[in-house]
N, C-alpha and C. Protein backbone atom coordinates (compact mmCIF):
# COMPACT_ATOMS: atom_id res chain seq x y z
N MET A 1 -11.68 -33.46 -43.59
CA MET A 1 -11.09 -32.13 -43.73
C MET A 1 -10.36 -32.08 -45.08
N ASN A 2 -10.62 -31.02 -45.82
CA ASN A 2 -9.97 -30.91 -47.12
C ASN A 2 -8.57 -30.31 -46.99
N LYS A 3 -7.83 -30.31 -48.08
CA LYS A 3 -6.43 -29.84 -48.06
C LYS A 3 -6.33 -28.36 -47.69
N LYS A 4 -7.28 -27.57 -48.12
CA LYS A 4 -7.26 -26.14 -47.80
C LYS A 4 -7.40 -25.94 -46.29
N GLU A 5 -8.32 -26.68 -45.67
CA GLU A 5 -8.51 -26.57 -44.22
C GLU A 5 -7.28 -27.06 -43.47
N GLN A 6 -6.68 -28.14 -43.94
CA GLN A 6 -5.47 -28.67 -43.31
C GLN A 6 -4.33 -27.65 -43.36
N LYS A 7 -4.17 -27.02 -44.51
CA LYS A 7 -3.11 -26.02 -44.66
C LYS A 7 -3.36 -24.83 -43.74
N LEU A 8 -4.60 -24.41 -43.64
CA LEU A 8 -4.96 -23.29 -42.77
C LEU A 8 -4.64 -23.63 -41.32
N LEU A 9 -5.01 -24.84 -40.89
CA LEU A 9 -4.73 -25.26 -39.52
C LEU A 9 -3.24 -25.36 -39.23
N GLN A 10 -2.46 -25.78 -40.21
CA GLN A 10 -1.01 -25.88 -40.02
C GLN A 10 -0.39 -24.50 -39.80
N ASN A 11 -0.96 -23.49 -40.39
CA ASN A 11 -0.44 -22.13 -40.24
C ASN A 11 -0.97 -21.42 -39.01
N PHE A 12 -1.99 -21.98 -38.40
CA PHE A 12 -2.60 -21.39 -37.22
C PHE A 12 -1.77 -21.74 -35.99
N PRO A 13 -1.34 -20.76 -35.19
CA PRO A 13 -0.48 -21.08 -34.03
C PRO A 13 -1.21 -21.94 -33.02
N ARG A 14 -0.48 -22.90 -32.48
CA ARG A 14 -1.04 -23.75 -31.43
C ARG A 14 -1.26 -22.90 -30.17
N HIS A 15 -2.26 -23.29 -29.41
CA HIS A 15 -2.61 -22.54 -28.19
C HIS A 15 -1.41 -22.41 -27.24
N GLN A 16 -0.71 -23.50 -27.01
CA GLN A 16 0.43 -23.51 -26.09
C GLN A 16 1.52 -22.54 -26.57
N ASP A 17 1.77 -22.53 -27.87
CA ASP A 17 2.78 -21.63 -28.42
C ASP A 17 2.35 -20.17 -28.24
N TYR A 18 1.07 -19.91 -28.48
CA TYR A 18 0.56 -18.55 -28.30
C TYR A 18 0.67 -18.11 -26.85
N LEU A 19 0.32 -19.00 -25.94
CA LEU A 19 0.41 -18.69 -24.51
C LEU A 19 1.85 -18.37 -24.12
N LYS A 20 2.78 -19.19 -24.55
CA LYS A 20 4.19 -18.95 -24.22
C LYS A 20 4.67 -17.63 -24.79
N GLN A 21 4.23 -17.30 -26.00
CA GLN A 21 4.63 -16.03 -26.60
C GLN A 21 4.07 -14.86 -25.81
N GLN A 22 2.81 -14.95 -25.38
CA GLN A 22 2.20 -13.90 -24.56
C GLN A 22 2.95 -13.73 -23.24
N LEU A 23 3.26 -14.86 -22.60
CA LEU A 23 3.97 -14.82 -21.32
C LEU A 23 5.36 -14.23 -21.49
N HIS A 24 5.98 -14.48 -22.62
CA HIS A 24 7.33 -13.95 -22.89
C HIS A 24 7.29 -12.46 -23.20
N ASP A 25 6.33 -12.05 -24.01
CA ASP A 25 6.30 -10.68 -24.52
C ASP A 25 5.66 -9.66 -23.59
N ASP A 26 4.80 -10.12 -22.69
CA ASP A 26 4.01 -9.19 -21.90
C ASP A 26 4.17 -9.48 -20.39
N PRO A 27 5.06 -8.72 -19.72
CA PRO A 27 5.29 -8.94 -18.29
C PRO A 27 4.03 -8.81 -17.44
N GLU A 28 3.13 -7.92 -17.81
CA GLU A 28 1.88 -7.77 -17.06
C GLU A 28 1.01 -9.02 -17.18
N TYR A 29 0.98 -9.59 -18.38
CA TYR A 29 0.23 -10.82 -18.59
C TYR A 29 0.85 -11.96 -17.78
N ALA A 30 2.17 -12.04 -17.78
CA ALA A 30 2.87 -13.06 -17.01
C ALA A 30 2.56 -12.92 -15.51
N GLN A 31 2.52 -11.68 -15.03
CA GLN A 31 2.20 -11.45 -13.62
C GLN A 31 0.75 -11.85 -13.31
N MET A 32 -0.16 -11.52 -14.22
CA MET A 32 -1.55 -11.92 -14.03
C MET A 32 -1.68 -13.45 -14.03
N TRP A 33 -0.93 -14.11 -14.91
CA TRP A 33 -0.92 -15.57 -14.97
C TRP A 33 -0.47 -16.14 -13.62
N LEU A 34 0.64 -15.62 -13.11
CA LEU A 34 1.17 -16.10 -11.83
C LEU A 34 0.20 -15.80 -10.69
N ASP A 35 -0.36 -14.60 -10.67
CA ASP A 35 -1.34 -14.25 -9.63
C ASP A 35 -2.52 -15.22 -9.64
N SER A 36 -2.98 -15.56 -10.82
CA SER A 36 -4.10 -16.49 -10.96
C SER A 36 -3.72 -17.89 -10.45
N LEU A 37 -2.50 -18.33 -10.78
CA LEU A 37 -2.03 -19.63 -10.29
C LEU A 37 -1.96 -19.66 -8.76
N LEU A 38 -1.44 -18.58 -8.19
CA LEU A 38 -1.32 -18.52 -6.74
C LEU A 38 -2.69 -18.45 -6.06
N GLU A 39 -3.62 -17.76 -6.68
CA GLU A 39 -4.98 -17.70 -6.15
C GLU A 39 -5.63 -19.09 -6.18
N ASP A 40 -5.46 -19.79 -7.30
CA ASP A 40 -5.98 -21.16 -7.40
C ASP A 40 -5.34 -22.05 -6.34
N TYR A 41 -4.03 -21.89 -6.15
CA TYR A 41 -3.33 -22.70 -5.16
C TYR A 41 -3.84 -22.42 -3.75
N SER A 42 -4.11 -21.15 -3.45
CA SER A 42 -4.58 -20.81 -2.10
C SER A 42 -5.92 -21.47 -1.79
N GLU A 43 -6.69 -21.78 -2.82
CA GLU A 43 -7.96 -22.47 -2.62
C GLU A 43 -7.80 -23.99 -2.63
N SER A 44 -7.02 -24.51 -3.57
CA SER A 44 -6.92 -25.97 -3.75
C SER A 44 -5.84 -26.62 -2.89
N LYS A 45 -4.80 -25.87 -2.58
CA LYS A 45 -3.63 -26.39 -1.85
C LYS A 45 -2.96 -27.54 -2.60
N ASP A 46 -3.13 -27.57 -3.92
CA ASP A 46 -2.54 -28.62 -4.76
C ASP A 46 -1.24 -28.12 -5.36
N ILE A 47 -0.13 -28.48 -4.73
CA ILE A 47 1.18 -28.01 -5.18
C ILE A 47 1.52 -28.54 -6.56
N ASN A 48 1.06 -29.75 -6.87
CA ASN A 48 1.33 -30.31 -8.19
C ASN A 48 0.70 -29.48 -9.30
N ASP A 49 -0.53 -29.02 -9.08
CA ASP A 49 -1.18 -28.16 -10.07
C ASP A 49 -0.44 -26.84 -10.21
N LEU A 50 -0.04 -26.26 -9.10
CA LEU A 50 0.70 -25.00 -9.15
C LEU A 50 1.95 -25.14 -9.99
N ILE A 51 2.76 -26.14 -9.69
CA ILE A 51 4.01 -26.32 -10.41
C ILE A 51 3.76 -26.68 -11.87
N TYR A 52 2.82 -27.56 -12.12
CA TYR A 52 2.51 -27.96 -13.49
C TYR A 52 2.12 -26.73 -14.32
N ASN A 53 1.35 -25.83 -13.73
CA ASN A 53 0.89 -24.65 -14.46
C ASN A 53 1.95 -23.55 -14.54
N LEU A 54 3.05 -23.71 -13.82
CA LEU A 54 4.19 -22.79 -13.99
C LEU A 54 5.00 -23.13 -15.24
N LYS A 55 4.84 -24.35 -15.73
CA LYS A 55 5.64 -24.81 -16.87
C LYS A 55 5.58 -23.87 -18.08
N PRO A 56 4.39 -23.39 -18.51
CA PRO A 56 4.38 -22.46 -19.65
C PRO A 56 5.16 -21.17 -19.37
N LEU A 57 5.11 -20.71 -18.13
CA LEU A 57 5.86 -19.49 -17.77
C LEU A 57 7.36 -19.74 -17.88
N ILE A 58 7.80 -20.91 -17.48
CA ILE A 58 9.22 -21.28 -17.61
C ILE A 58 9.58 -21.41 -19.08
N GLU A 59 8.77 -22.17 -19.82
CA GLU A 59 9.07 -22.43 -21.23
C GLU A 59 8.93 -21.20 -22.11
N ALA A 60 8.31 -20.15 -21.61
CA ALA A 60 8.22 -18.91 -22.37
C ALA A 60 9.59 -18.25 -22.50
N ASN A 61 10.50 -18.59 -21.57
CA ASN A 61 11.81 -17.94 -21.57
C ASN A 61 13.00 -18.90 -21.63
N TYR A 62 12.77 -20.16 -21.35
CA TYR A 62 13.87 -21.13 -21.25
C TYR A 62 13.43 -22.49 -21.79
N THR A 63 14.42 -23.31 -22.12
CA THR A 63 14.12 -24.73 -22.26
C THR A 63 14.14 -25.30 -20.85
N ILE A 64 13.55 -26.45 -20.65
CA ILE A 64 13.56 -27.07 -19.32
C ILE A 64 15.00 -27.33 -18.88
N CYS A 65 15.84 -27.78 -19.80
CA CYS A 65 17.24 -28.05 -19.47
C CYS A 65 17.97 -26.78 -19.04
N ASP A 66 17.78 -25.70 -19.79
CA ASP A 66 18.44 -24.44 -19.44
C ASP A 66 17.95 -23.90 -18.10
N PHE A 67 16.65 -24.02 -17.86
CA PHE A 67 16.11 -23.54 -16.59
C PHE A 67 16.65 -24.36 -15.42
N ALA A 68 16.72 -25.67 -15.61
CA ALA A 68 17.27 -26.54 -14.56
C ALA A 68 18.71 -26.14 -14.23
N LYS A 69 19.50 -25.87 -15.25
CA LYS A 69 20.88 -25.41 -15.02
C LYS A 69 20.90 -24.08 -14.28
N LEU A 70 20.03 -23.17 -14.70
CA LEU A 70 19.96 -21.84 -14.09
C LEU A 70 19.67 -21.93 -12.60
N ILE A 71 18.75 -22.81 -12.22
CA ILE A 71 18.35 -22.87 -10.81
C ILE A 71 19.14 -23.91 -10.02
N GLY A 72 20.01 -24.64 -10.70
CA GLY A 72 20.90 -25.56 -10.00
C GLY A 72 20.29 -26.88 -9.56
N ILE A 73 19.36 -27.39 -10.37
CA ILE A 73 18.85 -28.73 -10.09
C ILE A 73 18.95 -29.55 -11.38
N HIS A 74 18.85 -30.86 -11.24
CA HIS A 74 18.96 -31.74 -12.39
C HIS A 74 17.68 -31.66 -13.22
N ARG A 75 17.83 -31.67 -14.53
CA ARG A 75 16.67 -31.55 -15.42
C ARG A 75 15.66 -32.67 -15.20
N ILE A 76 16.15 -33.86 -14.87
CA ILE A 76 15.26 -34.99 -14.62
C ILE A 76 14.32 -34.67 -13.45
N THR A 77 14.84 -33.95 -12.47
CA THR A 77 14.01 -33.55 -11.32
C THR A 77 12.84 -32.69 -11.80
N LEU A 78 13.13 -31.72 -12.67
CA LEU A 78 12.04 -30.88 -13.20
C LEU A 78 11.06 -31.70 -14.01
N TYR A 79 11.56 -32.59 -14.84
CA TYR A 79 10.66 -33.43 -15.63
C TYR A 79 9.76 -34.28 -14.73
N LYS A 80 10.31 -34.81 -13.65
CA LYS A 80 9.51 -35.61 -12.72
C LYS A 80 8.44 -34.75 -12.04
N ILE A 81 8.82 -33.52 -11.69
CA ILE A 81 7.86 -32.60 -11.06
C ILE A 81 6.74 -32.26 -12.04
N PHE A 82 7.11 -31.93 -13.29
CA PHE A 82 6.09 -31.56 -14.27
C PHE A 82 5.21 -32.72 -14.69
N SER A 83 5.71 -33.94 -14.55
CA SER A 83 4.88 -35.10 -14.88
C SER A 83 4.15 -35.63 -13.64
N ARG A 84 4.26 -34.89 -12.54
CA ARG A 84 3.57 -35.19 -11.29
C ARG A 84 4.02 -36.51 -10.66
N LYS A 85 5.27 -36.89 -10.95
CA LYS A 85 5.84 -38.09 -10.35
C LYS A 85 6.64 -37.77 -9.10
N MET A 86 6.78 -36.47 -8.82
CA MET A 86 7.57 -36.03 -7.67
C MET A 86 6.96 -34.75 -7.14
N ILE A 87 6.86 -34.65 -5.83
CA ILE A 87 6.39 -33.41 -5.19
C ILE A 87 7.64 -32.62 -4.82
N PRO A 88 7.71 -31.35 -5.27
CA PRO A 88 8.92 -30.57 -5.01
C PRO A 88 9.05 -30.19 -3.53
N SER A 89 10.28 -30.17 -3.07
CA SER A 89 10.56 -29.70 -1.71
C SER A 89 10.42 -28.18 -1.68
N ILE A 90 10.38 -27.62 -0.49
CA ILE A 90 10.31 -26.16 -0.36
C ILE A 90 11.56 -25.52 -0.96
N GLU A 91 12.70 -26.19 -0.86
CA GLU A 91 13.94 -25.68 -1.45
C GLU A 91 13.83 -25.60 -2.97
N ILE A 92 13.27 -26.63 -3.59
CA ILE A 92 13.11 -26.61 -5.04
C ILE A 92 12.08 -25.56 -5.45
N LEU A 93 10.99 -25.44 -4.69
CA LEU A 93 10.01 -24.38 -4.97
C LEU A 93 10.67 -23.01 -4.94
N HIS A 94 11.48 -22.79 -3.92
CA HIS A 94 12.18 -21.51 -3.81
C HIS A 94 13.06 -21.28 -5.04
N LYS A 95 13.79 -22.30 -5.47
CA LYS A 95 14.66 -22.17 -6.65
C LYS A 95 13.86 -21.89 -7.91
N ILE A 96 12.73 -22.56 -8.06
CA ILE A 96 11.90 -22.34 -9.25
C ILE A 96 11.39 -20.90 -9.29
N PHE A 97 10.84 -20.43 -8.18
CA PHE A 97 10.33 -19.05 -8.15
C PHE A 97 11.46 -18.04 -8.31
N ALA A 98 12.59 -18.28 -7.67
CA ALA A 98 13.74 -17.37 -7.82
C ALA A 98 14.21 -17.34 -9.27
N GLY A 99 14.24 -18.50 -9.92
CA GLY A 99 14.64 -18.56 -11.33
C GLY A 99 13.71 -17.79 -12.24
N LEU A 100 12.45 -17.70 -11.84
CA LEU A 100 11.47 -16.92 -12.60
C LEU A 100 11.48 -15.44 -12.23
N GLY A 101 12.30 -15.09 -11.23
CA GLY A 101 12.41 -13.69 -10.83
C GLY A 101 11.46 -13.30 -9.71
N TYR A 102 10.95 -14.27 -8.97
CA TYR A 102 10.02 -14.00 -7.88
C TYR A 102 10.62 -14.48 -6.57
N ASP A 103 10.20 -13.84 -5.49
CA ASP A 103 10.64 -14.22 -4.15
C ASP A 103 9.51 -14.99 -3.49
N LEU A 104 9.77 -16.21 -3.11
CA LEU A 104 8.78 -17.03 -2.43
C LEU A 104 8.83 -16.71 -0.95
N LYS A 105 7.73 -16.19 -0.42
CA LYS A 105 7.69 -15.81 1.00
C LYS A 105 6.61 -16.61 1.70
N ILE A 106 6.89 -16.93 2.94
CA ILE A 106 5.90 -17.59 3.78
C ILE A 106 5.62 -16.66 4.94
N SER A 107 4.34 -16.42 5.20
CA SER A 107 4.00 -15.50 6.28
C SER A 107 3.13 -16.19 7.33
N VAL A 108 3.11 -15.61 8.50
CA VAL A 108 2.32 -16.14 9.61
C VAL A 108 0.84 -15.88 9.31
N GLN A 109 0.04 -16.87 9.57
CA GLN A 109 -1.38 -16.77 9.37
C GLN A 109 -2.05 -16.67 10.73
N LYS A 110 -3.03 -15.79 10.88
CA LYS A 110 -3.73 -15.66 12.15
C LYS A 110 -4.51 -16.94 12.43
N ALA A 111 -4.53 -17.31 13.71
CA ALA A 111 -5.29 -18.51 14.11
C ALA A 111 -6.76 -18.28 13.89
N VAL A 112 -7.42 -19.34 13.50
CA VAL A 112 -8.87 -19.25 13.23
C VAL A 112 -9.66 -19.50 14.46
């Protein structure tokens, strides 16, 4: 890669930064992102993937440390959750969603 290409790439926004900016600037996009995550979760039932994919939504508005303070848990707990070293309790899930401005609800499912 020549110097001109390197300089161009340095000025090009990283994908993660662009995603965070979109999530921060566009509430409809953020809602679509969350809806998509919840839809994926309803199929996979993988709580670690759900939480891991919430990270850009959190980082669009907060640092991990600030968000942990906001929701009243230790930052190390969030880091462990995001690195998939810890499965969050329902209480922590509730705090994460509440911190993002969402209400986590559980409803009765009809028997199959």
